[in-house]
N, C-alpha and C. Protein backbone atom coordinates (compact mmCIF):
# COMPACT_ATOMS: atom_id res chain seq x y z
N UNK A 1 0.98 -1.13 -0.01
CA UNK A 1 -0.07 -0.12 0.07
C UNK A 1 0.82 1.39 -0.30
N UNK A 2 0.47 2.37 -0.62
CA UNK A 2 0.81 3.59 -0.66
C UNK A 2 0.62 4.43 0.64
N UNK A 3 1.15 4.77 1.42
CA UNK A 3 0.74 5.43 2.80
C UNK A 3 1.40 6.67 3.12
N UNK A 4 0.47 7.95 3.27
CA UNK A 4 1.08 9.25 3.63
C UNK A 4 1.18 9.18 5.24
N UNK A 5 2.31 9.66 5.67
CA UNK A 5 2.57 9.66 7.02
C UNK A 5 2.42 11.33 7.43
N UNK A 6 1.52 11.88 8.21
CA UNK A 6 0.96 13.10 8.63
C UNK A 6 1.74 13.20 9.88
N UNK A 7 3.00 14.01 10.11
CA UNK A 7 3.78 14.07 11.13
C UNK A 7 4.82 15.02 11.31
N UNK A 8 5.54 15.27 12.00
CA UNK A 8 6.61 15.98 12.03
C UNK A 8 7.85 15.25 11.79
N UNK A 9 8.86 15.60 11.22
CA UNK A 9 9.74 14.82 10.75
C UNK A 9 10.21 13.79 11.56
N UNK A 10 10.47 14.10 12.67
CA UNK A 10 11.45 13.18 14.12
C UNK A 10 10.21 12.39 14.35
N UNK A 11 9.27 12.23 14.21
CA UNK A 11 8.55 11.23 15.00
C UNK A 11 8.20 10.33 13.70
N UNK A 12 7.55 10.95 12.45
CA UNK A 12 7.12 10.15 11.33
C UNK A 12 8.47 9.54 10.64
N UNK A 13 9.71 9.75 10.93
CA UNK A 13 10.80 8.93 10.22
C UNK A 13 10.83 7.63 10.76
N UNK A 14 10.63 7.20 12.19
CA UNK A 14 10.63 6.24 12.73
C UNK A 14 9.32 5.16 12.50
N UNK A 15 8.33 5.84 12.03
CA UNK A 15 7.23 5.24 11.85
C UNK A 15 7.24 4.92 10.14
N UNK A 16 8.18 5.58 9.45
CA UNK A 16 8.34 5.20 7.94
C UNK A 16 8.73 3.92 7.77
N UNK A 17 10.32 3.95 8.72
CA UNK A 17 11.00 2.58 8.45
C UNK A 17 10.34 1.62 9.01
N UNK A 18 9.44 1.63 9.55
CA UNK A 18 8.60 0.43 10.36
C UNK A 18 7.76 -0.11 9.10
N UNK A 19 6.98 1.03 8.51
CA UNK A 19 6.26 0.44 7.41
C UNK A 19 6.92 0.12 6.23
N UNK A 20 8.00 0.55 5.67
CA UNK A 20 8.81 0.32 4.61
C UNK A 20 9.53 -1.25 4.79
N UNK A 21 9.54 -1.31 6.35
CA UNK A 21 10.02 -2.97 6.47
C UNK A 21 8.59 -3.88 6.25
N UNK A 22 7.57 -3.34 6.54
CA UNK A 22 6.45 -4.35 6.22
C UNK A 22 6.01 -4.21 4.72
N UNK A 23 6.86 -3.51 3.89
CA UNK A 23 6.48 -3.51 2.45
C UNK A 23 5.63 -2.54 1.76
N UNK A 24 5.26 -1.49 2.66
CA UNK A 24 4.44 -0.37 2.12
C UNK A 24 5.57 0.75 1.57
N UNK A 25 4.97 1.65 0.58
CA UNK A 25 5.37 2.46 0.23
C UNK A 25 4.87 3.84 0.93
N UNK A 26 5.92 4.87 1.40
CA UNK A 26 5.69 5.99 2.14
C UNK A 26 6.11 7.26 1.43
N UNK A 27 5.26 8.29 2.21
CA UNK A 27 5.51 9.48 1.67
C UNK A 27 5.27 10.53 3.03
N UNK A 28 6.14 11.42 3.23
CA UNK A 28 5.73 12.23 4.16
C UNK A 28 5.12 13.47 3.99
N UNK A 29 4.14 14.10 4.73
CA UNK A 29 3.18 15.26 4.46
C UNK A 29 3.51 15.85 6.03
N UNK A 30 5.14 16.53 5.95
CA UNK A 30 5.10 17.45 6.98
C UNK A 30 4.99 18.92 6.99
N UNK A 31 4.81 19.27 5.78
CA UNK A 31 4.84 21.14 5.85
C UNK A 31 3.62 21.19 4.64
N UNK A 32 3.63 20.62 3.42
CA UNK A 32 3.36 20.79 2.24
C UNK A 32 1.77 20.18 1.93
N UNK A 33 0.88 20.32 3.20
CA UNK A 33 -0.28 19.22 2.85
C UNK A 33 -0.89 19.60 1.79
N UNK A 34 -0.84 21.04 1.45
CA UNK A 34 -1.93 21.63 0.20
C UNK A 34 -1.48 20.83 -1.12
N UNK A 35 -0.45 20.60 -1.32
CA UNK A 35 0.33 19.58 -2.39
C UNK A 35 -0.28 18.50 -2.53
N UNK A 36 -0.09 17.90 -1.30
CA UNK A 36 -0.69 16.41 -1.17
C UNK A 36 -1.86 16.38 -1.56
N UNK A 37 -2.89 17.25 -1.27
CA UNK A 37 -4.31 17.37 -1.52
C UNK A 37 -4.46 16.67 -2.83
N UNK A 38 -3.66 17.38 -3.65
CA UNK A 38 -3.85 17.37 -5.20
C UNK A 38 -3.83 16.06 -5.75
N UNK A 39 -2.93 15.07 -4.78
CA UNK A 39 -2.62 13.85 -5.45
C UNK A 39 -3.19 12.61 -4.52
N UNK A 40 -4.25 12.85 -3.76
CA UNK A 40 -5.00 11.94 -3.16
C UNK A 40 -5.57 10.82 -3.58
N UNK A 41 -5.54 10.65 -4.76
CA UNK A 41 -6.04 9.44 -5.34
C UNK A 41 -5.11 8.29 -5.68
N UNK A 42 -3.71 8.94 -5.34
CA UNK A 42 -2.47 8.00 -5.84
C UNK A 42 -2.16 7.20 -4.46
N UNK A 43 -2.67 7.70 -3.50
CA UNK A 43 -2.40 6.82 -1.87
C UNK A 43 -3.58 5.96 -1.35
N UNK A 44 -3.11 5.26 -0.57
CA UNK A 44 -4.27 4.31 -0.29
C UNK A 44 -4.53 4.55 1.42
N UNK A 45 -3.81 5.13 1.96
CA UNK A 45 -4.23 5.93 3.34
C UNK A 45 -3.09 6.43 3.90
N UNK A 46 -3.47 7.37 5.12
CA UNK A 46 -2.47 8.32 5.82
C UNK A 46 -2.58 7.35 7.47
N UNK A 47 -1.36 7.62 7.92
CA UNK A 47 -1.28 7.71 9.33
C UNK A 47 -1.27 8.88 10.03
N UNK A 48 -2.19 9.34 10.38
CA UNK A 48 -2.05 10.81 11.57
C UNK A 48 -1.75 10.65 12.56
N UNK A 49 -0.50 11.33 12.77
CA UNK A 49 0.31 11.34 14.06
C UNK A 49 0.43 12.57 14.62
N UNK A 50 -0.58 13.54 14.87
CA UNK A 50 -0.36 14.43 14.92
C UNK A 50 -1.86 15.41 15.47
N UNK A 51 -1.90 16.24 15.88
CA UNK A 51 -3.23 17.09 15.88
C UNK A 51 -3.11 18.51 15.30
N UNK A 52 -2.05 18.82 14.63
CA UNK A 52 -1.80 20.02 13.75
C UNK A 52 -2.98 20.31 12.83
N UNK A 53 -3.89 21.50 12.66
CA UNK A 53 -5.12 21.86 11.76
C UNK A 53 -4.83 21.28 10.58
N UNK A 54 -3.59 21.33 9.97
CA UNK A 54 -3.48 21.02 8.82
C UNK A 54 -3.83 19.62 8.66
N UNK A 55 -3.22 18.77 9.26
CA UNK A 55 -2.66 17.40 9.14
C UNK A 55 -4.63 16.67 9.58
N UNK A 56 -5.00 17.54 10.11
CA UNK A 56 -6.79 17.11 10.56
C UNK A 56 -7.26 17.19 9.24
N UNK A 57 -7.26 18.41 8.56
CA UNK A 57 -7.75 18.68 7.80
C UNK A 57 -7.79 17.68 6.28
N UNK A 58 -6.53 17.32 5.97
CA UNK A 58 -5.99 16.14 5.31
C UNK A 58 -6.54 15.20 5.51
N UNK A 59 -6.76 14.53 6.66
CA UNK A 59 -7.21 13.39 7.08
C UNK A 59 -8.63 13.15 6.95
N UNK A 60 -9.41 14.42 7.39
CA UNK A 60 -10.65 15.07 6.79
C UNK A 60 -10.93 14.58 5.62
N UNK A 61 -10.27 15.08 4.75
CA UNK A 61 -10.28 15.22 3.19
C UNK A 61 -10.21 13.51 2.93
N UNK A 62 -9.13 12.97 3.12
CA UNK A 62 -9.18 11.76 2.75
C UNK A 62 -10.21 10.50 3.24
N UNK A 63 -10.40 10.80 4.40
CA UNK A 63 -11.80 9.98 4.86
C UNK A 63 -13.19 10.04 4.09
N UNK A 64 -13.21 11.44 3.45
CA UNK A 64 -14.50 11.81 2.43
C UNK A 64 -14.24 11.28 1.08
N UNK A 65 -13.12 11.14 0.86
CA UNK A 65 -12.85 10.32 -0.56
C UNK A 65 -13.10 8.94 -0.37
N UNK A 66 -12.80 8.45 0.76
CA UNK A 66 -13.25 6.47 1.02
C UNK A 66 -12.05 6.04 1.36
N UNK A 67 -10.85 7.04 1.55
CA UNK A 67 -9.60 6.45 1.95
C UNK A 67 -9.37 6.20 3.46
N UNK A 68 -8.39 5.17 3.69
CA UNK A 68 -8.13 4.87 5.44
C UNK A 68 -7.17 5.84 5.83
N UNK A 69 -7.74 6.21 7.13
CA UNK A 69 -6.99 7.00 8.05
C UNK A 69 -6.78 6.19 9.11
N UNK A 70 -5.59 6.10 9.66
CA UNK A 70 -5.02 5.24 10.49
C UNK A 70 -4.50 6.13 11.67
N UNK A 71 -4.50 5.85 12.79
CA UNK A 71 -4.16 6.57 13.85
C UNK A 71 -2.97 6.18 15.08
N UNK A 72 -2.70 4.46 14.36
CA UNK A 72 -1.77 3.99 14.99
C UNK A 72 -0.96 2.82 14.21
N UNK A 73 0.19 2.55 13.92
CA UNK A 73 1.01 1.72 13.62
C UNK A 73 0.39 0.50 13.41
N UNK A 74 -0.13 0.01 14.64
CA UNK A 74 -0.69 -1.73 14.89
C UNK A 74 -2.04 -1.66 13.98
N UNK A 75 -2.76 -0.63 13.40
CA UNK A 75 -3.98 -0.61 12.92
C UNK A 75 -3.68 -0.88 11.36
N UNK A 76 -2.46 -0.90 10.91
CA UNK A 76 -2.24 -0.53 9.73
C UNK A 76 -1.75 -2.14 9.27
N UNK A 77 -2.61 -2.73 8.22
CA UNK A 77 -2.23 -4.03 7.87
C UNK A 77 -1.05 -4.24 7.24
N UNK A 78 -0.31 -5.45 7.18
CA UNK A 78 1.17 -5.75 6.57
C UNK A 78 0.75 -6.06 5.28
N UNK A 79 1.95 -5.72 4.13
CA UNK A 79 1.58 -5.81 2.96
C UNK A 79 1.44 -7.25 2.53
N UNK A 80 0.85 -7.61 1.60
CA UNK A 80 0.81 -9.13 1.14
C UNK A 80 1.87 -9.59 0.86
N UNK A 81 3.29 -9.02 0.49
CA UNK A 81 4.12 -9.68 0.20
C UNK A 81 5.57 -9.67 1.22
N UNK A 82 4.79 -8.86 2.63
CA UNK A 82 5.84 -9.36 3.76
C UNK A 82 5.49 -10.81 4.52
N UNK A 83 6.15 -11.28 4.76
CA UNK A 83 6.01 -12.35 5.53
C UNK A 83 5.82 -12.04 7.28
N UNK A 84 4.76 -12.35 7.85
CA UNK A 84 4.77 -11.93 9.22
C UNK A 84 6.22 -12.34 10.07
N UNK A 85 6.06 -11.36 11.13
CA UNK A 85 6.94 -11.63 11.96
C UNK A 85 7.15 -12.99 12.93
N UNK A 86 8.29 -13.50 13.12
CA UNK A 86 8.13 -15.02 13.96
C UNK A 86 8.38 -14.35 15.45
């Protein structure tokens, strides 16, 4: 899946590594949320890790068009191509 992380850089990078290890494609939206809104159809969901107004607005738009919004890493399913951890 292609997942946008809505977070500041310090927090989001740790989550990004975990998602990449799980087989997902990741993009960070830490500042230019306006530009990201133009390409919503290219992404499967977003991980909301903050309560900044622009992140909340983005997540709301995402939900409106039927995309997933996760609020914690365990909510995100593993990629089908990634074997489960032992």
